[in-house]
C-alpha cells in the first residue's frame, strides 16, 4: 500500500476502528498517512515461526491522532505483533492516547529495526514501548510522552543516537 491517506473518521465512529489491520508478512507500506482512528492506526500480526522471510517494510509512514474519545488508552498509533525482523525507515508515530509504537510480544515483535523515526505527542504515555527481543532504534527521536519516551522490557535492545526529551510534559523519564 503506498501514496495515500487512510482516515479513520473517529469523530463519526464511536466504538472501534483501525486505520489498517494486517495479518500477514512480507508486505510494504510506503508514503502512507494513517490518521484519526478510534482504536489503533496500524495493527499488525503474524505467527512467530515460518520457513520464509517474514519481515515487513514501512517507509515514510505517518500514523497520528489515534485516540479514543474517552481517553481510555487504547489509542496506540502502531500495535505490532509481527512480523518480526521488520524495518521502519523515516516513520512518525504521534498524538495518541497510549503509545506511539508498541512492540507487543517478545518473539512476534523481535528484531524490529527503526531508522530515522520519530515518536512524539504530549498525550502519549510512551513514545516507544519495546517488549520485543532484539529491537533496534537508530537515529531516532522520542519526545513529549508523559510517562517515558522509551520503555524497554526485554533483552538485547540496541539504542544508538537517540534524542529523548520531555517537551512540555511534567516529569517523565527518558528511558525506562
N, C-alpha and C. Protein backbone atom coordinates (compact mmCIF):
# COMPACT_ATOMS: atom_id res chain seq x y z
N UNK A 1 0.87 -1.17 0.00
CA UNK A 1 0.00 0.00 0.00
C UNK A 1 0.91 1.22 0.00
N UNK A 2 0.62 2.17 -0.89
CA UNK A 2 1.51 3.33 -0.97
C UNK A 2 0.76 4.56 -1.49
N UNK A 3 1.36 5.72 -1.19
CA UNK A 3 0.91 7.00 -1.74
C UNK A 3 -0.56 7.30 -1.47
N UNK A 4 -0.95 7.23 -0.20
CA UNK A 4 -2.33 7.55 0.13
C UNK A 4 -2.49 7.93 1.60
N UNK A 5 -3.67 8.42 1.95
CA UNK A 5 -4.06 8.71 3.33
C UNK A 5 -5.25 7.85 3.69
N UNK A 6 -5.18 7.19 4.85
CA UNK A 6 -6.31 6.44 5.40
C UNK A 6 -6.84 7.24 6.59
N UNK A 7 -8.08 7.66 6.54
CA UNK A 7 -8.69 8.46 7.60
C UNK A 7 -9.69 7.60 8.34
N UNK A 8 -9.44 7.35 9.63
CA UNK A 8 -10.32 6.51 10.43
C UNK A 8 -11.63 7.16 10.83
N UNK A 9 -11.77 8.47 10.61
CA UNK A 9 -13.02 9.17 10.87
C UNK A 9 -13.54 8.92 12.29
N UNK A 10 -12.65 9.05 13.28
CA UNK A 10 -13.04 8.71 14.66
C UNK A 10 -14.18 9.57 15.20
N UNK A 11 -14.36 10.75 14.66
CA UNK A 11 -15.45 11.61 15.13
C UNK A 11 -16.81 10.98 14.87
N UNK A 12 -16.93 10.20 13.81
CA UNK A 12 -18.20 9.55 13.46
C UNK A 12 -18.17 8.05 13.63
N UNK A 13 -17.17 7.56 14.35
CA UNK A 13 -17.01 6.12 14.57
C UNK A 13 -16.78 5.91 16.06
N UNK A 14 -17.83 5.86 16.83
CA UNK A 14 -17.74 5.96 18.27
C UNK A 14 -17.43 4.72 19.07
N UNK A 15 -17.17 3.57 18.45
CA UNK A 15 -16.93 2.38 19.26
C UNK A 15 -15.56 1.77 19.02
N UNK A 16 -15.16 1.57 17.80
CA UNK A 16 -13.86 0.99 17.48
C UNK A 16 -13.51 1.34 16.04
N UNK A 17 -12.25 1.21 15.71
CA UNK A 17 -11.87 1.48 14.33
C UNK A 17 -10.36 1.47 14.17
N UNK A 18 -9.90 0.80 13.14
CA UNK A 18 -8.48 0.70 12.84
C UNK A 18 -8.23 1.36 11.49
N UNK A 19 -7.08 1.99 11.36
CA UNK A 19 -6.72 2.51 10.05
C UNK A 19 -6.36 1.37 9.12
N UNK A 20 -5.54 0.44 9.63
CA UNK A 20 -5.10 -0.70 8.84
C UNK A 20 -4.86 -1.87 9.78
N UNK A 21 -5.51 -3.00 9.52
CA UNK A 21 -5.27 -4.24 10.27
C UNK A 21 -4.71 -5.26 9.30
N UNK A 22 -3.55 -5.82 9.67
CA UNK A 22 -2.88 -6.77 8.78
C UNK A 22 -2.59 -8.05 9.55
N UNK A 23 -2.92 -9.18 8.95
CA UNK A 23 -2.43 -10.46 9.42
C UNK A 23 -1.66 -11.05 8.25
N UNK A 24 -0.35 -10.86 8.27
CA UNK A 24 0.44 -11.30 7.14
C UNK A 24 1.91 -10.94 7.32
N UNK A 25 2.67 -11.15 6.27
CA UNK A 25 4.10 -10.90 6.31
C UNK A 25 4.60 -10.50 4.93
N UNK A 26 5.81 -10.02 4.87
CA UNK A 26 6.49 -9.57 3.65
C UNK A 26 5.68 -8.55 2.88
N UNK A 27 5.04 -7.63 3.59
CA UNK A 27 4.31 -6.57 2.91
C UNK A 27 5.09 -5.27 3.02
N UNK A 28 4.72 -4.29 2.19
CA UNK A 28 5.39 -2.99 2.15
C UNK A 28 4.34 -1.90 2.29
N UNK A 29 4.60 -0.96 3.22
CA UNK A 29 3.81 0.26 3.34
C UNK A 29 4.76 1.41 3.05
N UNK A 30 4.40 2.28 2.11
CA UNK A 30 5.31 3.36 1.72
C UNK A 30 4.53 4.63 1.44
N UNK A 31 5.07 5.75 1.92
CA UNK A 31 4.46 7.07 1.70
C UNK A 31 2.98 7.04 2.03
N UNK A 32 2.70 6.67 3.27
CA UNK A 32 1.33 6.45 3.73
C UNK A 32 1.07 7.27 4.99
N UNK A 33 -0.10 7.92 5.05
CA UNK A 33 -0.55 8.63 6.24
C UNK A 33 -1.79 7.89 6.76
N UNK A 34 -1.79 7.59 8.06
CA UNK A 34 -2.95 6.97 8.70
C UNK A 34 -3.31 7.84 9.88
N UNK A 35 -4.55 8.33 9.91
CA UNK A 35 -4.91 9.31 10.93
C UNK A 35 -6.31 9.09 11.48
N UNK A 36 -6.51 9.64 12.67
CA UNK A 36 -7.82 9.74 13.31
C UNK A 36 -8.57 8.42 13.43
N UNK A 37 -7.89 7.41 13.94
CA UNK A 37 -8.51 6.11 14.15
C UNK A 37 -8.91 5.98 15.61
N UNK A 38 -10.03 5.34 15.86
CA UNK A 38 -10.54 5.24 17.22
C UNK A 38 -9.73 4.26 18.07
N UNK A 39 -9.21 3.19 17.50
CA UNK A 39 -8.50 2.17 18.27
C UNK A 39 -7.01 2.22 18.02
N UNK A 40 -6.54 1.75 16.88
CA UNK A 40 -5.12 1.79 16.51
C UNK A 40 -5.01 2.28 15.07
N UNK A 41 -3.94 3.00 14.79
CA UNK A 41 -3.68 3.39 13.41
C UNK A 41 -3.29 2.18 12.58
N UNK A 42 -2.30 1.41 13.05
CA UNK A 42 -1.90 0.15 12.42
C UNK A 42 -1.91 -0.94 13.47
N UNK A 43 -2.54 -2.05 13.16
CA UNK A 43 -2.48 -3.25 13.97
C UNK A 43 -1.94 -4.33 13.06
N UNK A 44 -0.75 -4.86 13.38
CA UNK A 44 -0.13 -5.88 12.54
C UNK A 44 0.15 -7.12 13.37
N UNK A 45 -0.11 -8.30 12.77
CA UNK A 45 0.10 -9.55 13.49
C UNK A 45 0.54 -10.64 12.53
N UNK A 46 1.44 -11.50 13.01
CA UNK A 46 1.83 -12.69 12.28
C UNK A 46 2.41 -13.67 13.28
N UNK A 47 2.39 -14.96 12.96
CA UNK A 47 2.92 -16.00 13.84
C UNK A 47 4.43 -15.81 14.01
N UNK A 48 5.00 -16.46 15.01
CA UNK A 48 6.41 -16.26 15.31
C UNK A 48 7.34 -17.15 14.50
N UNK A 49 6.86 -18.14 13.83
CA UNK A 49 7.75 -19.04 13.09
C UNK A 49 7.25 -19.24 11.67
N UNK A 50 8.19 -19.28 10.74
CA UNK A 50 7.86 -19.52 9.33
C UNK A 50 9.12 -19.93 8.62
N UNK A 51 8.97 -20.67 7.54
CA UNK A 51 10.15 -21.07 6.77
C UNK A 51 10.53 -20.01 5.75
N UNK A 52 9.75 -18.95 5.61
CA UNK A 52 10.03 -17.89 4.65
C UNK A 52 10.51 -16.63 5.35
N UNK A 53 11.09 -15.72 4.58
CA UNK A 53 11.42 -14.40 5.12
C UNK A 53 10.11 -13.73 5.52
N UNK A 54 10.12 -13.13 6.69
CA UNK A 54 8.86 -12.65 7.23
C UNK A 54 8.72 -11.15 7.24
N UNK A 55 9.79 -10.42 7.21
CA UNK A 55 9.77 -9.01 7.54
C UNK A 55 8.85 -8.19 6.65
N UNK A 56 8.24 -7.20 7.29
CA UNK A 56 7.51 -6.16 6.58
C UNK A 56 8.45 -4.97 6.47
N UNK A 57 8.12 -4.06 5.58
CA UNK A 57 8.93 -2.85 5.40
C UNK A 57 8.00 -1.65 5.40
N UNK A 58 8.27 -0.68 6.28
CA UNK A 58 7.49 0.54 6.34
C UNK A 58 8.42 1.72 6.10
N UNK A 59 8.17 2.48 5.04
CA UNK A 59 8.99 3.62 4.67
C UNK A 59 8.12 4.87 4.59
N UNK A 60 8.54 5.91 5.31
CA UNK A 60 7.84 7.19 5.29
C UNK A 60 6.35 7.01 5.60
N UNK A 61 6.07 6.33 6.71
CA UNK A 61 4.70 6.12 7.17
C UNK A 61 4.46 7.02 8.37
N UNK A 62 3.37 7.77 8.34
CA UNK A 62 2.99 8.67 9.43
C UNK A 62 1.67 8.17 10.01
N UNK A 63 1.67 7.89 11.32
CA UNK A 63 0.46 7.40 11.98
C UNK A 63 0.18 8.35 13.14
N UNK A 64 -1.00 8.98 13.14
CA UNK A 64 -1.24 10.01 14.13
C UNK A 64 -2.72 10.16 14.49
N UNK A 65 -2.90 10.74 15.67
CA UNK A 65 -4.22 11.07 16.22
C UNK A 65 -5.14 9.88 16.37
N UNK A 66 -4.59 8.72 16.70
CA UNK A 66 -5.42 7.55 17.01
C UNK A 66 -5.70 7.56 18.50
N UNK A 67 -6.68 8.32 18.87
CA UNK A 67 -7.05 8.46 20.28
C UNK A 67 -8.50 8.07 20.45
N UNK A 68 -8.81 7.58 21.62
CA UNK A 68 -10.20 7.25 21.89
C UNK A 68 -10.89 8.47 22.46
N UNK A 69 -12.16 8.57 22.17
CA UNK A 69 -12.93 9.73 22.61
C UNK A 69 -12.97 9.84 24.13
N UNK A 70 -12.90 8.70 24.84
CA UNK A 70 -12.96 8.74 26.29
C UNK A 70 -11.58 8.67 26.94
N UNK A 71 -10.51 8.70 26.14
CA UNK A 71 -9.16 8.72 26.69
C UNK A 71 -8.80 7.49 27.49
N UNK A 72 -9.26 6.30 27.11
CA UNK A 72 -9.01 5.11 27.91
C UNK A 72 -7.68 4.42 27.60
N UNK A 73 -6.88 5.00 26.73
CA UNK A 73 -5.55 4.45 26.49
C UNK A 73 -5.46 3.44 25.37
N UNK A 74 -6.56 3.13 24.69
CA UNK A 74 -6.46 2.15 23.61
C UNK A 74 -5.93 2.75 22.32
N UNK A 75 -5.74 4.04 22.26
CA UNK A 75 -5.30 4.69 21.04
C UNK A 75 -3.80 4.63 20.81
N UNK A 76 -3.25 3.43 20.66
CA UNK A 76 -1.84 3.27 20.30
C UNK A 76 -1.71 3.45 18.79
N UNK A 77 -0.74 4.25 18.36
CA UNK A 77 -0.61 4.51 16.93
C UNK A 77 -0.31 3.23 16.15
N UNK A 78 0.70 2.48 16.57
CA UNK A 78 1.06 1.23 15.90
C UNK A 78 1.20 0.14 16.95
N UNK A 79 0.39 -0.90 16.85
CA UNK A 79 0.42 -2.04 17.76
C UNK A 79 0.95 -3.22 16.97
N UNK A 80 2.15 -3.72 17.32
CA UNK A 80 2.87 -4.68 16.48
C UNK A 80 3.01 -6.04 17.16
N UNK A 81 2.39 -7.05 16.56
CA UNK A 81 2.52 -8.45 16.99
C UNK A 81 3.12 -9.28 15.85
N UNK A 82 3.93 -8.67 15.05
CA UNK A 82 4.58 -9.34 13.94
C UNK A 82 4.17 -8.72 12.62
N UNK A 83 4.91 -9.03 11.60
CA UNK A 83 6.00 -9.99 11.55
C UNK A 83 7.28 -9.44 12.20
N UNK A 84 8.07 -10.37 12.76
CA UNK A 84 9.32 -9.95 13.37
C UNK A 84 10.33 -9.59 12.28
N UNK A 85 11.44 -8.98 12.67
CA UNK A 85 12.51 -8.56 11.77
C UNK A 85 12.05 -7.52 10.76
N UNK A 86 11.02 -6.79 11.05
CA UNK A 86 10.54 -5.76 10.14
C UNK A 86 11.39 -4.50 10.26
N UNK A 87 11.39 -3.69 9.20
CA UNK A 87 12.23 -2.49 9.13
C UNK A 87 11.34 -1.27 8.92
N UNK A 88 11.58 -0.24 9.74
CA UNK A 88 10.84 1.02 9.70
C UNK A 88 11.84 2.13 9.40
N UNK A 89 11.64 2.87 8.32
CA UNK A 89 12.56 3.94 7.95
C UNK A 89 11.78 5.24 7.75
N UNK A 90 12.21 6.29 8.45
CA UNK A 90 11.59 7.60 8.28
C UNK A 90 10.13 7.65 8.69
N UNK A 91 9.75 6.90 9.72
CA UNK A 91 8.36 6.85 10.16
C UNK A 91 8.10 7.80 11.33
N UNK A 92 6.86 8.25 11.44
CA UNK A 92 6.43 9.14 12.52
C UNK A 92 5.21 8.53 13.19
N UNK A 93 5.22 8.51 14.55
CA UNK A 93 4.09 8.00 15.33
C UNK A 93 3.77 9.08 16.36
N UNK A 94 2.61 9.72 16.26
CA UNK A 94 2.41 10.86 17.15
C UNK A 94 0.94 11.14 17.47
N UNK A 95 0.78 11.88 18.58
CA UNK A 95 -0.51 12.36 19.09
C UNK A 95 -1.54 11.25 19.31
N UNK A 96 -1.17 10.28 20.14
CA UNK A 96 -2.11 9.23 20.52
C UNK A 96 -2.39 9.25 22.00
N UNK A 97 -3.37 8.47 22.42
CA UNK A 97 -3.71 8.33 23.83
C UNK A 97 -2.68 7.51 24.60
N UNK A 98 -2.21 6.43 24.00
CA UNK A 98 -1.44 5.45 24.75
C UNK A 98 0.04 5.47 24.37
N UNK A 99 0.38 4.85 23.28
CA UNK A 99 1.78 4.70 22.89
C UNK A 99 1.94 5.07 21.43
N UNK A 100 3.12 5.59 21.10
CA UNK A 100 3.40 5.84 19.69
C UNK A 100 3.56 4.53 18.95
N UNK A 101 4.44 3.67 19.46
CA UNK A 101 4.67 2.36 18.84
C UNK A 101 4.81 1.34 19.95
N UNK A 102 4.08 0.23 19.85
CA UNK A 102 4.20 -0.85 20.83
C UNK A 102 4.60 -2.14 20.15
N UNK A 103 5.81 -2.62 20.47
CA UNK A 103 6.25 -3.96 20.07
C UNK A 103 5.73 -4.88 21.16
N UNK A 104 4.64 -5.58 20.87
CA UNK A 104 3.80 -6.15 21.92
C UNK A 104 4.08 -7.60 22.29
N UNK A 105 5.13 -8.21 21.77
CA UNK A 105 5.39 -9.61 22.09
C UNK A 105 6.87 -9.89 21.93
N UNK A 106 7.47 -10.64 22.87
CA UNK A 106 8.91 -10.88 22.87
C UNK A 106 9.39 -11.56 21.59
N UNK A 107 8.65 -12.52 21.05
CA UNK A 107 9.07 -13.24 19.85
C UNK A 107 8.45 -12.69 18.57
N UNK A 108 7.16 -12.43 18.60
CA UNK A 108 6.48 -11.98 17.39
C UNK A 108 6.90 -10.58 16.96
N UNK A 109 7.38 -9.79 17.88
CA UNK A 109 7.84 -8.43 17.57
C UNK A 109 9.35 -8.32 17.78
N UNK A 110 10.07 -9.40 17.63
CA UNK A 110 11.52 -9.41 17.84
C UNK A 110 12.26 -8.88 16.61
N UNK A 111 13.42 -8.32 16.85
CA UNK A 111 14.31 -7.94 15.76
C UNK A 111 13.83 -6.77 14.92
N UNK A 112 12.94 -5.95 15.44
CA UNK A 112 12.47 -4.79 14.68
C UNK A 112 13.58 -3.76 14.58
N UNK A 113 13.69 -3.11 13.44
CA UNK A 113 14.71 -2.09 13.22
C UNK A 113 14.02 -0.78 12.85
N UNK A 114 14.33 0.27 13.62
CA UNK A 114 13.81 1.61 13.36
C UNK A 114 14.98 2.51 12.98
N UNK A 115 14.91 3.13 11.82
CA UNK A 115 15.94 4.06 11.35
C UNK A 115 15.31 5.42 11.10
N UNK A 116 15.85 6.46 11.74
CA UNK A 116 15.40 7.83 11.49
C UNK A 116 13.90 8.00 11.71
N UNK A 117 13.39 7.44 12.80
CA UNK A 117 11.96 7.53 13.13
C UNK A 117 11.75 8.50 14.28
N UNK A 118 10.53 8.97 14.45
CA UNK A 118 10.21 10.00 15.44
C UNK A 118 8.87 9.67 16.09
N UNK A 119 8.86 9.55 17.41
CA UNK A 119 7.62 9.34 18.17
C UNK A 119 7.43 10.54 19.09
N UNK A 120 6.27 11.18 19.02
CA UNK A 120 6.05 12.35 19.86
C UNK A 120 4.58 12.58 20.12
N UNK A 121 4.31 13.41 21.12
CA UNK A 121 2.95 13.78 21.47
C UNK A 121 2.78 13.90 22.97
N UNK A 122 2.24 15.01 23.41
CA UNK A 122 2.15 15.29 24.84
C UNK A 122 1.07 14.48 25.55
N UNK A 123 0.24 13.73 24.85
CA UNK A 123 -0.78 12.90 25.49
C UNK A 123 -0.41 11.43 25.51
N UNK A 124 0.61 11.02 24.79
CA UNK A 124 1.03 9.62 24.78
C UNK A 124 1.71 9.27 26.09
N UNK A 125 1.49 8.05 26.58
CA UNK A 125 2.20 7.62 27.78
C UNK A 125 3.64 7.26 27.45
N UNK A 126 3.89 6.67 26.29
CA UNK A 126 5.24 6.28 25.85
C UNK A 126 5.39 6.60 24.37
N UNK A 127 6.60 6.96 23.97
CA UNK A 127 6.89 7.09 22.55
C UNK A 127 7.07 5.72 21.93
N UNK A 128 8.06 4.98 22.43
CA UNK A 128 8.27 3.58 22.03
C UNK A 128 8.09 2.70 23.27
N UNK A 129 7.37 1.62 23.12
CA UNK A 129 7.14 0.65 24.19
C UNK A 129 7.63 -0.69 23.65
N UNK A 130 8.84 -1.09 24.04
CA UNK A 130 9.52 -2.22 23.41
C UNK A 130 9.55 -3.43 24.33
N UNK A 131 8.77 -4.45 23.99
CA UNK A 131 8.84 -5.73 24.69
C UNK A 131 9.26 -6.83 23.72
N UNK A 132 9.69 -6.45 22.53
CA UNK A 132 10.20 -7.41 21.55
C UNK A 132 11.70 -7.58 21.72
N UNK A 133 12.17 -8.79 21.72
CA UNK A 133 13.58 -9.09 21.90
C UNK A 133 14.39 -8.64 20.68
N UNK A 134 15.53 -8.00 20.90
CA UNK A 134 16.44 -7.67 19.83
C UNK A 134 16.03 -6.50 18.96
N UNK A 135 15.20 -5.60 19.44
CA UNK A 135 14.81 -4.42 18.66
C UNK A 135 15.95 -3.41 18.64
N UNK A 136 15.93 -2.55 17.62
CA UNK A 136 16.99 -1.57 17.44
C UNK A 136 16.40 -0.21 17.05
N UNK A 137 16.79 0.84 17.80
CA UNK A 137 16.43 2.22 17.46
C UNK A 137 17.71 2.92 17.04
N UNK A 138 17.79 3.41 15.81
CA UNK A 138 18.98 4.08 15.29
C UNK A 138 18.61 5.45 14.75
N UNK A 139 19.25 6.49 15.28
CA UNK A 139 18.99 7.87 14.85
C UNK A 139 17.52 8.23 14.99
N UNK A 140 16.93 7.91 16.13
CA UNK A 140 15.51 8.16 16.36
C UNK A 140 15.32 9.26 17.40
N UNK A 141 14.12 9.84 17.41
CA UNK A 141 13.76 10.89 18.35
C UNK A 141 12.50 10.46 19.09
N UNK A 142 12.47 10.70 20.40
CA UNK A 142 11.29 10.46 21.22
C UNK A 142 11.07 11.68 22.09
N UNK A 143 9.88 12.24 22.03
CA UNK A 143 9.65 13.47 22.80
C UNK A 143 8.21 13.58 23.27
N UNK A 144 8.05 14.21 24.42
CA UNK A 144 6.75 14.64 24.89
C UNK A 144 5.87 13.61 25.56
N UNK A 145 6.28 12.35 25.64
CA UNK A 145 5.43 11.35 26.30
C UNK A 145 5.34 11.67 27.79
N UNK A 146 4.24 11.32 28.41
CA UNK A 146 4.02 11.74 29.79
C UNK A 146 4.58 10.77 30.83
N UNK A 147 4.90 9.51 30.47
CA UNK A 147 5.49 8.57 31.41
C UNK A 147 6.97 8.36 31.12
N UNK A 148 7.29 7.92 29.91
CA UNK A 148 8.69 7.76 29.48
C UNK A 148 8.74 7.83 27.96
N UNK A 149 9.84 8.32 27.45
CA UNK A 149 9.98 8.42 25.99
C UNK A 149 10.17 7.03 25.37
N UNK A 150 10.95 6.19 26.04
CA UNK A 150 11.20 4.82 25.57
C UNK A 150 11.09 3.88 26.76
N UNK A 151 10.28 2.83 26.62
CA UNK A 151 10.15 1.80 27.64
C UNK A 151 10.76 0.52 27.09
N UNK A 152 11.67 -0.08 27.84
CA UNK A 152 12.33 -1.32 27.42
C UNK A 152 12.08 -2.39 28.47
N UNK A 153 11.50 -3.52 28.04
CA UNK A 153 11.24 -4.62 28.95
C UNK A 153 11.60 -5.94 28.26
N UNK A 154 12.79 -5.99 27.71
CA UNK A 154 13.26 -7.20 27.05
C UNK A 154 14.77 -7.07 26.89
N UNK A 155 15.41 -8.16 26.59
CA UNK A 155 16.87 -8.14 26.46
C UNK A 155 17.28 -7.82 25.03
N UNK A 156 18.55 -7.52 24.88
CA UNK A 156 19.15 -7.32 23.57
C UNK A 156 18.53 -6.18 22.77
N UNK A 157 18.19 -5.11 23.43
CA UNK A 157 17.68 -3.92 22.75
C UNK A 157 18.87 -3.00 22.47
N UNK A 158 18.96 -2.54 21.25
CA UNK A 158 20.07 -1.65 20.87
C UNK A 158 19.50 -0.26 20.55
N UNK A 159 20.05 0.75 21.22
CA UNK A 159 19.64 2.12 21.00
C UNK A 159 20.89 2.93 20.70
N UNK A 160 20.96 3.54 19.50
CA UNK A 160 22.09 4.38 19.13
C UNK A 160 21.58 5.72 18.61
N UNK A 161 22.23 6.78 19.04
CA UNK A 161 21.89 8.13 18.59
C UNK A 161 20.43 8.47 18.83
N UNK A 162 19.94 8.18 20.03
CA UNK A 162 18.57 8.52 20.40
C UNK A 162 18.55 9.90 21.02
N UNK A 163 17.65 10.72 20.58
CA UNK A 163 17.42 12.02 21.20
C UNK A 163 16.06 11.94 21.89
N UNK A 164 16.06 11.93 23.23
CA UNK A 164 14.83 11.81 24.01
C UNK A 164 14.70 13.00 24.93
N UNK A 165 13.55 13.66 24.87
CA UNK A 165 13.34 14.79 25.77
C UNK A 165 11.85 14.91 26.09
N UNK A 166 11.59 15.62 27.19
CA UNK A 166 10.24 15.64 27.75
C UNK A 166 9.31 16.62 27.05
N UNK A 167 9.80 17.60 26.33
CA UNK A 167 8.97 18.65 25.73
C UNK A 167 8.21 19.35 26.85
N UNK A 168 6.90 19.42 26.78
CA UNK A 168 6.17 20.15 27.82
C UNK A 168 5.56 19.26 28.89
N UNK A 169 5.80 17.95 28.82
CA UNK A 169 5.28 17.05 29.85
C UNK A 169 5.95 17.35 31.20
N UNK A 170 5.28 17.06 32.28
CA UNK A 170 5.72 17.45 33.61
C UNK A 170 7.08 16.85 34.02
N UNK A 171 7.17 15.56 34.21
CA UNK A 171 8.42 14.99 34.70
C UNK A 171 8.63 13.54 34.23
N UNK A 172 8.51 13.26 32.96
CA UNK A 172 8.72 11.88 32.51
C UNK A 172 10.20 11.56 32.44
N UNK A 173 10.52 10.28 32.37
CA UNK A 173 11.90 9.86 32.21
C UNK A 173 12.19 9.66 30.73
N UNK A 174 13.48 9.63 30.40
CA UNK A 174 13.88 9.39 29.02
C UNK A 174 13.69 7.94 28.63
N UNK A 175 14.44 7.05 29.30
CA UNK A 175 14.36 5.63 29.01
C UNK A 175 14.04 4.90 30.30
N UNK A 176 13.02 4.07 30.28
CA UNK A 176 12.58 3.32 31.47
C UNK A 176 12.78 1.84 31.22
